[in-house]
Every structure is written in structure tokens, then in C-alpha cells.
Amino acid sequence: MNWFDRISEHSVRAVARRTSRRSLLAGIGALLVGAASLPLLPVARGAEGKTAAGPKAQAQPVAGGDADPGDAAHCDYWRHCAIDGYLCSCCGGTQSACPPGTEMSAITWIGTCHNPGDGKDYVISYNDCCGKSSCGRCFCNRNERDTPLYQPGQANDYNWCSGSTQANIPYHCSTARIVGLAE
């Protein structure tokens, strides 16, 4: 036997003396369960200006003017295809900025909406603005392509303010930021 075989055999026998089959199987099972639960953990998106556009989006914002038709203060505005909440454009903010006194949640849900102005589909990031009580104006609940809560990145019935810097921070309104062009 060469030296590598002797060291390998000695190491394996030493582990076998200290470990039972049940504890080895328990360790492998715990590793598999832990690895399977990783996709369930919340993901900080947008905290440092990063977005969760995904692999099929390009960072190309929509042009203004005729290419962005509609009124952002109405529920039927094209960017609101998957929104659920009060529109920040009615609450002192804009489509991409929170009203004064609130902060944008670091986590978000996303949707893909069709812009009738240019005929293209865009990835929209719906960020909740948190820090004040609910705005109470321009409530909009559109659930196009909404998924159940077990896919939280595409579900709009989730408390996205739970990812904010402060604990128990209340929801105020929702933005609809364009992340990129969907392909």
C-alpha cells in the first residue's frame, strides 16, 4: 500500500469509530433541509439602489412624453398592472420616490407590465414606502400575474415594510419603478 492509501484508510476508520450511521444520516438530512430552505429566506433588493430585475431584463428606462401614456394617479395606469396598495403619486410622492417622511422598503415584489405607448413590456418594481400610517387615497388592487405567498417575490399581499430598518414600521403607499425592459 502506498502512503496515500494508508492515510485515507486511517482517516476513514477513525471517523467510523467516532460516528454512527444514524448520526451521519441525520447530518446529511439536516444539510439537505437547510439547503432546500435557502430560497425561502427574504432577499434585500434595492437597499443600495440595486434592483431585482432578473436575468431577462435590461436596464433601459421608459422614455417620457408619448411613450409613457396615462395618469399615474389612476389605478388603470399601465405601470399598476400588479400593484396592491395606495398610490404614492396621490400621497405626496411619485412613481419612483416616496413621500417626505417615509422610507422605501429594501425588499420588493416585481411584475411585468405592457406599455401601450411603445408596445413593449417592462419589469416593474413595486416598492412600499414605510414610516407613516396608510395614506388612504387612491387605493389600487390589480392582481395581474400575482402569485401565492409561497413565491413572495411576485406576490403583492405581503408586508414589504417588514424589511425596513426599523421594527414594526407602518405601510404608507406603493411606488411603481421601472427596472428594465422585459424580453
C-alpha atoms as a PDB file:
ATOM      1  CA  MET A   1       0.000   0.000   0.000  1.00  0.00           C
ATOM      2  CA  ASN A   2       1.219   3.468  -0.755  1.00  0.00           C
ATOM      3  CA  TRP A   3       1.213   6.335   1.716  1.00  0.00           C
ATOM      4  CA  PHE A   4      -1.978   7.988   0.343  1.00  0.00           C
ATOM      5  CA  ASP A   5      -3.984   4.767   0.750  1.00  0.00           C
ATOM      6  CA  ARG A   6      -2.723   4.310   4.323  1.00  0.00           C
ATOM      7  CA  ILE A   7      -3.646   7.881   5.316  1.00  0.00           C
ATOM      8  CA  SER A   8      -7.075   7.598   3.676  1.00  0.00           C
ATOM      9  CA  GLU A   9      -7.812   4.250   5.329  1.00  0.00           C
ATOM     10  CA  HIS A  10      -6.659   5.536   8.746  1.00  0.00           C
ATOM     11  CA  SER A  11      -8.828   8.668   8.432  1.00  0.00           C
ATOM     12  CA  VAL A  12     -11.948   6.790   7.316  1.00  0.00           C
ATOM     13  CA  ARG A  13     -11.589   4.192  10.081  1.00  0.00           C
ATOM     14  CA  ALA A  14     -11.122   6.932  12.699  1.00  0.00           C
ATOM     15  CA  VAL A  15     -14.313   8.683  11.557  1.00  0.00           C
ATOM     16  CA  ALA A  16     -16.171   5.339  11.512  1.00  0.00           C
ATOM     17  CA  ARG A  17     -15.147   4.637  15.150  1.00  0.00           C
ATOM     18  CA  ARG A  18     -16.434   8.037  16.329  1.00  0.00           C
ATOM     19  CA  THR A  19     -19.620   8.259  14.227  1.00  0.00           C
ATOM     20  CA  SER A  20     -22.723   6.092  13.941  1.00  0.00           C
ATOM     21  CA  ARG A  21     -24.701   5.565  10.753  1.00  0.00           C
ATOM     22  CA  ARG A  22     -27.695   7.319  12.290  1.00  0.00           C
ATOM     23  CA  SER A  23     -25.741  10.465  13.139  1.00  0.00           C
ATOM     24  CA  LEU A  24     -24.241  10.515   9.638  1.00  0.00           C
ATOM     25  CA  LEU A  25     -27.712  10.207   8.082  1.00  0.00           C
ATOM     26  CA  ALA A  26     -29.039  12.878  10.453  1.00  0.00           C
ATOM     27  CA  GLY A  27     -26.250  15.244   9.436  1.00  0.00           C
ATOM     28  CA  ILE A  28     -26.875  14.652   5.718  1.00  0.00           C
ATOM     29  CA  GLY A  29     -30.626  15.154   6.259  1.00  0.00           C
ATOM     30  CA  ALA A  30     -30.056  18.422   8.117  1.00  0.00           C
ATOM     31  CA  LEU A  31     -27.785  19.626   5.327  1.00  0.00           C
ATOM     32  CA  LEU A  32     -30.406  18.800   2.669  1.00  0.00           C
ATOM     33  CA  VAL A  33     -33.229  20.511   4.608  1.00  0.00           C
ATOM     34  CA  GLY A  34     -31.052  23.572   5.194  1.00  0.00           C
ATOM     35  CA  ALA A  35     -30.112  23.783   1.527  1.00  0.00           C
ATOM     36  CA  ALA A  36     -33.758  23.414   0.473  1.00  0.00           C
ATOM     37  CA  SER A  37     -34.832  26.291   2.757  1.00  0.00           C
ATOM     38  CA  LEU A  38     -32.391  28.851   1.314  1.00  0.00           C
ATOM     39  CA  PRO A  39     -34.821  30.055  -1.424  1.00  0.00           C
ATOM     40  CA  LEU A  40     -37.372  30.848   1.315  1.00  0.00           C
ATOM     41  CA  LEU A  41     -35.174  33.451   3.009  1.00  0.00           C
ATOM     42  CA  PRO A  42     -36.004  37.131   2.352  1.00  0.00           C
ATOM     43  CA  VAL A  43     -33.723  38.917  -0.057  1.00  0.00           C
ATOM     44  CA  ALA A  44     -32.721  42.572   0.338  1.00  0.00           C
ATOM     45  CA  ARG A  45     -33.464  44.163  -3.008  1.00  0.00           C
ATOM     46  CA  GLY A  46     -32.963  47.794  -3.772  1.00  0.00           C
ATOM     47  CA  ALA A  47     -31.295  48.632  -0.465  1.00  0.00           C
ATOM     48  CA  GLU A  48     -28.250  50.101  -2.158  1.00  0.00           C
ATOM     49  CA  GLY A  49     -30.028  51.123  -5.367  1.00  0.00           C
ATOM     50  CA  LYS A  50     -29.804  47.597  -6.754  1.00  0.00           C
ATOM     51  CA  THR A  51     -32.806  46.027  -8.417  1.00  0.00           C
ATOM     52  CA  ALA A  52     -34.246  42.571  -8.716  1.00  0.00           C
ATOM     53  CA  ALA A  53     -34.877  42.657 -12.436  1.00  0.00           C
ATOM     54  CA  GLY A  54     -33.803  39.109 -13.032  1.00  0.00           C
ATOM     55  CA  PRO A  55     -31.858  37.641 -15.910  1.00  0.00           C
ATOM     56  CA  LYS A  56     -34.344  38.611 -18.624  1.00  0.00           C
ATOM     57  CA  ALA A  57     -34.379  42.354 -18.039  1.00  0.00           C
ATOM     58  CA  GLN A  58     -32.246  45.105 -19.440  1.00  0.00           C
ATOM     59  CA  ALA A  59     -31.722  48.374 -17.580  1.00  0.00           C
ATOM     60  CA  GLN A  60     -33.496  50.624 -20.071  1.00  0.00           C
ATOM     61  CA  PRO A  61     -35.938  53.073 -18.520  1.00  0.00           C
ATOM     62  CA  VAL A  62     -39.001  54.137 -20.465  1.00  0.00           C
ATOM     63  CA  ALA A  63     -38.931  57.470 -22.280  1.00  0.00           C
ATOM     64  CA  GLY A  64     -41.193  60.270 -21.173  1.00  0.00           C
ATOM     65  CA  GLY A  65     -43.909  62.018 -23.138  1.00  0.00           C
ATOM     66  CA  ASP A  66     -45.974  59.916 -25.552  1.00  0.00           C
ATOM     67  CA  ALA A  67     -44.076  56.735 -24.653  1.00  0.00           C
ATOM     68  CA  ASP A  68     -45.464  56.912 -21.082  1.00  0.00           C
ATOM     69  CA  PRO A  69     -49.234  57.332 -21.579  1.00  0.00           C
ATOM     70  CA  GLY A  70     -51.773  57.634 -18.808  1.00  0.00           C
ATOM     71  CA  ASP A  71     -52.154  59.277 -15.440  1.00  0.00           C
ATOM     72  CA  ALA A  72     -50.020  57.889 -12.616  1.00  0.00           C
ATOM     73  CA  ALA A  73     -52.719  58.890 -10.108  1.00  0.00           C
ATOM     74  CA  HIS A  74     -55.207  56.372 -11.554  1.00  0.00           C
ATOM     75  CA  CYS A  75     -55.439  52.644 -10.997  1.00  0.00           C
ATOM     76  CA  ASP A  76     -55.684  51.879 -14.730  1.00  0.00           C
ATOM     77  CA  TYR A  77     -52.247  53.403 -15.421  1.00  0.00           C
ATOM     78  CA  TRP A  78     -50.156  50.818 -17.286  1.00  0.00           C
ATOM     79  CA  ARG A  79     -47.428  50.523 -14.599  1.00  0.00           C
ATOM     80  CA  HIS A  80     -50.006  49.495 -11.994  1.00  0.00           C
ATOM     81  CA  CYS A  81     -50.748  46.078 -13.547  1.00  0.00           C
ATOM     82  CA  ALA A  82     -49.678  44.189 -10.376  1.00  0.00           C
ATOM     83  CA  ILE A  83     -49.948  46.830  -7.651  1.00  0.00           C
ATOM     84  CA  ASP A  84     -51.791  46.401  -4.363  1.00  0.00           C
ATOM     85  CA  GLY A  85     -51.985  49.465  -2.135  1.00  0.00           C
ATOM     86  CA  TYR A  86     -52.261  53.221  -2.077  1.00  0.00           C
ATOM     87  CA  LEU A  87     -50.559  55.028  -4.982  1.00  0.00           C
ATOM     88  CA  CYS A  88     -47.654  57.202  -3.842  1.00  0.00           C
ATOM     89  CA  SER A  89     -48.394  59.630  -6.682  1.00  0.00           C
ATOM     90  CA  CYS A  90     -51.595  60.557  -4.754  1.00  0.00           C
ATOM     91  CA  CYS A  91     -49.823  60.697  -1.385  1.00  0.00           C
ATOM     92  CA  GLY A  92     -47.102  63.293  -1.988  1.00  0.00           C
ATOM     93  CA  GLY A  93     -44.604  61.052  -3.780  1.00  0.00           C
ATOM     94  CA  THR A  94     -44.038  59.938  -7.363  1.00  0.00           C
ATOM     95  CA  GLN A  95     -43.872  56.654  -9.262  1.00  0.00           C
ATOM     96  CA  SER A  96     -40.243  56.229  -8.213  1.00  0.00           C
ATOM     97  CA  ALA A  97     -39.900  58.234  -4.995  1.00  0.00           C
ATOM     98  CA  CYS A  98     -41.523  58.021  -1.582  1.00  0.00           C
ATOM     99  CA  PRO A  99     -43.318  60.976   0.024  1.00  0.00           C
ATOM    100  CA  PRO A 100     -41.376  63.035   2.574  1.00  0.00           C
ATOM    101  CA  GLY A 101     -41.214  61.397   5.995  1.00  0.00           C
ATOM    102  CA  THR A 102     -41.280  57.850   4.619  1.00  0.00           C
ATOM    103  CA  GLU A 103     -38.589  55.424   3.531  1.00  0.00           C
ATOM    104  CA  MET A 104     -38.596  52.943   0.678  1.00  0.00           C
ATOM    105  CA  SER A 105     -38.643  49.319   1.752  1.00  0.00           C
ATOM    106  CA  ALA A 106     -35.467  47.427   0.950  1.00  0.00           C
ATOM    107  CA  ILE A 107     -37.423  44.439  -0.366  1.00  0.00           C
ATOM    108  CA  THR A 108     -39.931  44.474  -3.196  1.00  0.00           C
ATOM    109  CA  TRP A 109     -42.211  42.479  -5.440  1.00  0.00           C
ATOM    110  CA  ILE A 110     -41.972  42.682  -9.204  1.00  0.00           C
ATOM    111  CA  GLY A 111     -44.317  42.462 -12.164  1.00  0.00           C
ATOM    112  CA  THR A 112     -44.155  42.728 -15.927  1.00  0.00           C
ATOM    113  CA  CYS A 113     -46.471  45.349 -17.437  1.00  0.00           C
ATOM    114  CA  HIS A 114     -47.236  46.224 -21.050  1.00  0.00           C
ATOM    115  CA  ASN A 115     -46.728  49.881 -22.063  1.00  0.00           C
ATOM    116  CA  PRO A 116     -49.314  50.765 -24.721  1.00  0.00           C
ATOM    117  CA  GLY A 117     -47.299  53.846 -25.698  1.00  0.00           C
ATOM    118  CA  ASP A 118     -44.399  51.932 -27.219  1.00  0.00           C
ATOM    119  CA  GLY A 119     -45.823  48.386 -27.292  1.00  0.00           C
ATOM    120  CA  LYS A 120     -43.072  46.956 -25.060  1.00  0.00           C
ATOM    121  CA  ASP A 121     -43.188  45.025 -21.779  1.00  0.00           C
ATOM    122  CA  TYR A 122     -41.301  46.400 -18.775  1.00  0.00           C
ATOM    123  CA  VAL A 123     -40.237  44.883 -15.458  1.00  0.00           C
ATOM    124  CA  ILE A 124     -41.792  46.997 -12.702  1.00  0.00           C
ATOM    125  CA  SER A 125     -40.530  47.015  -9.121  1.00  0.00           C
ATOM    126  CA  TYR A 126     -43.267  47.771  -6.601  1.00  0.00           C
ATOM    127  CA  ASN A 127     -41.625  49.241  -3.521  1.00  0.00           C
ATOM    128  CA  ASP A 128     -43.655  50.107  -0.449  1.00  0.00           C
ATOM    129  CA  CYS A 129     -42.999  53.397   1.301  1.00  0.00           C
ATOM    130  CA  CYS A 130     -42.989  52.952   5.056  1.00  0.00           C
ATOM    131  CA  GLY A 131     -42.928  55.151   8.136  1.00  0.00           C
ATOM    132  CA  LYS A 132     -46.334  56.839   8.270  1.00  0.00           C
ATOM    133  CA  SER A 133     -49.817  55.412   8.633  1.00  0.00           C
ATOM    134  CA  SER A 134     -51.649  54.427   5.443  1.00  0.00           C
ATOM    135  CA  CYS A 135     -52.185  57.261   3.012  1.00  0.00           C
ATOM    136  CA  GLY A 136     -55.863  56.433   2.448  1.00  0.00           C
ATOM    137  CA  ARG A 137     -56.063  57.920  -1.067  1.00  0.00           C
ATOM    138  CA  CYS A 138     -56.086  56.248  -4.495  1.00  0.00           C
ATOM    139  CA  PHE A 139     -56.290  52.620  -3.383  1.00  0.00           C
ATOM    140  CA  CYS A 140     -55.491  50.256  -6.232  1.00  0.00           C
ATOM    141  CA  ASN A 141     -55.620  46.449  -6.185  1.00  0.00           C
ATOM    142  CA  ARG A 142     -54.715  44.876  -9.511  1.00  0.00           C
ATOM    143  CA  ASN A 143     -53.542  41.308  -9.402  1.00  0.00           C
ATOM    144  CA  GLU A 144     -52.414  40.527 -12.936  1.00  0.00           C
ATOM    145  CA  ARG A 145     -49.996  37.567 -12.762  1.00  0.00           C
ATOM    146  CA  ASP A 146     -49.939  37.711  -8.951  1.00  0.00           C
ATOM    147  CA  THR A 147     -48.609  34.520  -7.365  1.00  0.00           C
ATOM    148  CA  PRO A 148     -49.392  32.946  -3.975  1.00  0.00           C
ATOM    149  CA  LEU A 149     -47.334  33.944  -0.944  1.00  0.00           C
ATOM    150  CA  TYR A 150     -45.089  30.900  -1.270  1.00  0.00           C
ATOM    151  CA  GLN A 151     -43.475  32.831  -4.158  1.00  0.00           C
ATOM    152  CA  PRO A 152     -43.055  36.122  -2.270  1.00  0.00           C
ATOM    153  CA  GLY A 153     -41.003  37.911  -4.938  1.00  0.00           C
ATOM    154  CA  GLN A 154     -44.057  38.027  -7.180  1.00  0.00           C
ATOM    155  CA  ALA A 155     -46.799  38.251  -4.552  1.00  0.00           C
ATOM    156  CA  ASN A 156     -48.345  41.586  -3.680  1.00  0.00           C
ATOM    157  CA  ASP A 157     -50.174  40.524  -0.483  1.00  0.00           C
ATOM    158  CA  TYR A 158     -47.152  40.660   1.768  1.00  0.00           C
ATOM    159  CA  ASN A 159     -45.984  43.224   4.313  1.00  0.00           C
ATOM    160  CA  TRP A 160     -42.934  44.518   2.419  1.00  0.00           C
ATOM    161  CA  CYS A 161     -42.270  47.099   5.168  1.00  0.00           C
ATOM    162  CA  SER A 162     -41.032  44.251   7.356  1.00  0.00           C
ATOM    163  CA  GLY A 163     -37.695  44.578   5.542  1.00  0.00           C
ATOM    164  CA  SER A 164     -37.226  48.188   6.633  1.00  0.00           C
ATOM    165  CA  THR A 165     -34.556  49.424   9.011  1.00  0.00           C
ATOM    166  CA  GLN A 166     -36.952  49.891  11.937  1.00  0.00           C
ATOM    167  CA  ALA A 167     -39.122  47.225  13.541  1.00  0.00           C
ATOM    168  CA  ASN A 168     -42.930  47.466  13.210  1.00  0.00           C
ATOM    169  CA  ILE A 169     -42.786  50.311  10.723  1.00  0.00           C
ATOM    170  CA  PRO A 170     -46.228  51.031   9.188  1.00  0.00           C
ATOM    171  CA  TYR A 171     -47.111  50.911   5.477  1.00  0.00           C
ATOM    172  CA  HIS A 172     -47.909  54.246   3.762  1.00  0.00           C
ATOM    173  CA  CYS A 173     -48.080  53.798  -0.034  1.00  0.00           C
ATOM    174  CA  SER A 174     -46.563  51.938  -3.020  1.00  0.00           C
ATOM    175  CA  THR A 175     -44.340  53.068  -5.901  1.00  0.00           C
ATOM    176  CA  ALA A 176     -44.095  51.534  -9.379  1.00  0.00           C
ATOM    177  CA  ARG A 177     -40.493  51.923 -10.578  1.00  0.00           C
ATOM    178  CA  ILE A 178     -39.360  50.715 -13.989  1.00  0.00           C
ATOM    179  CA  VAL A 179     -36.430  48.336 -13.547  1.00  0.00           C
ATOM    180  CA  GLY A 180     -35.819  47.402 -17.157  1.00  0.00           C
ATOM    181  CA  LEU A 181     -37.117  46.147 -20.444  1.00  0.00           C
ATOM    182  CA  ALA A 182     -38.533  42.603 -20.355  1.00  0.00           C
ATOM    183  CA  GLU A 183     -37.534  40.269 -23.159  1.00  0.00           C
END
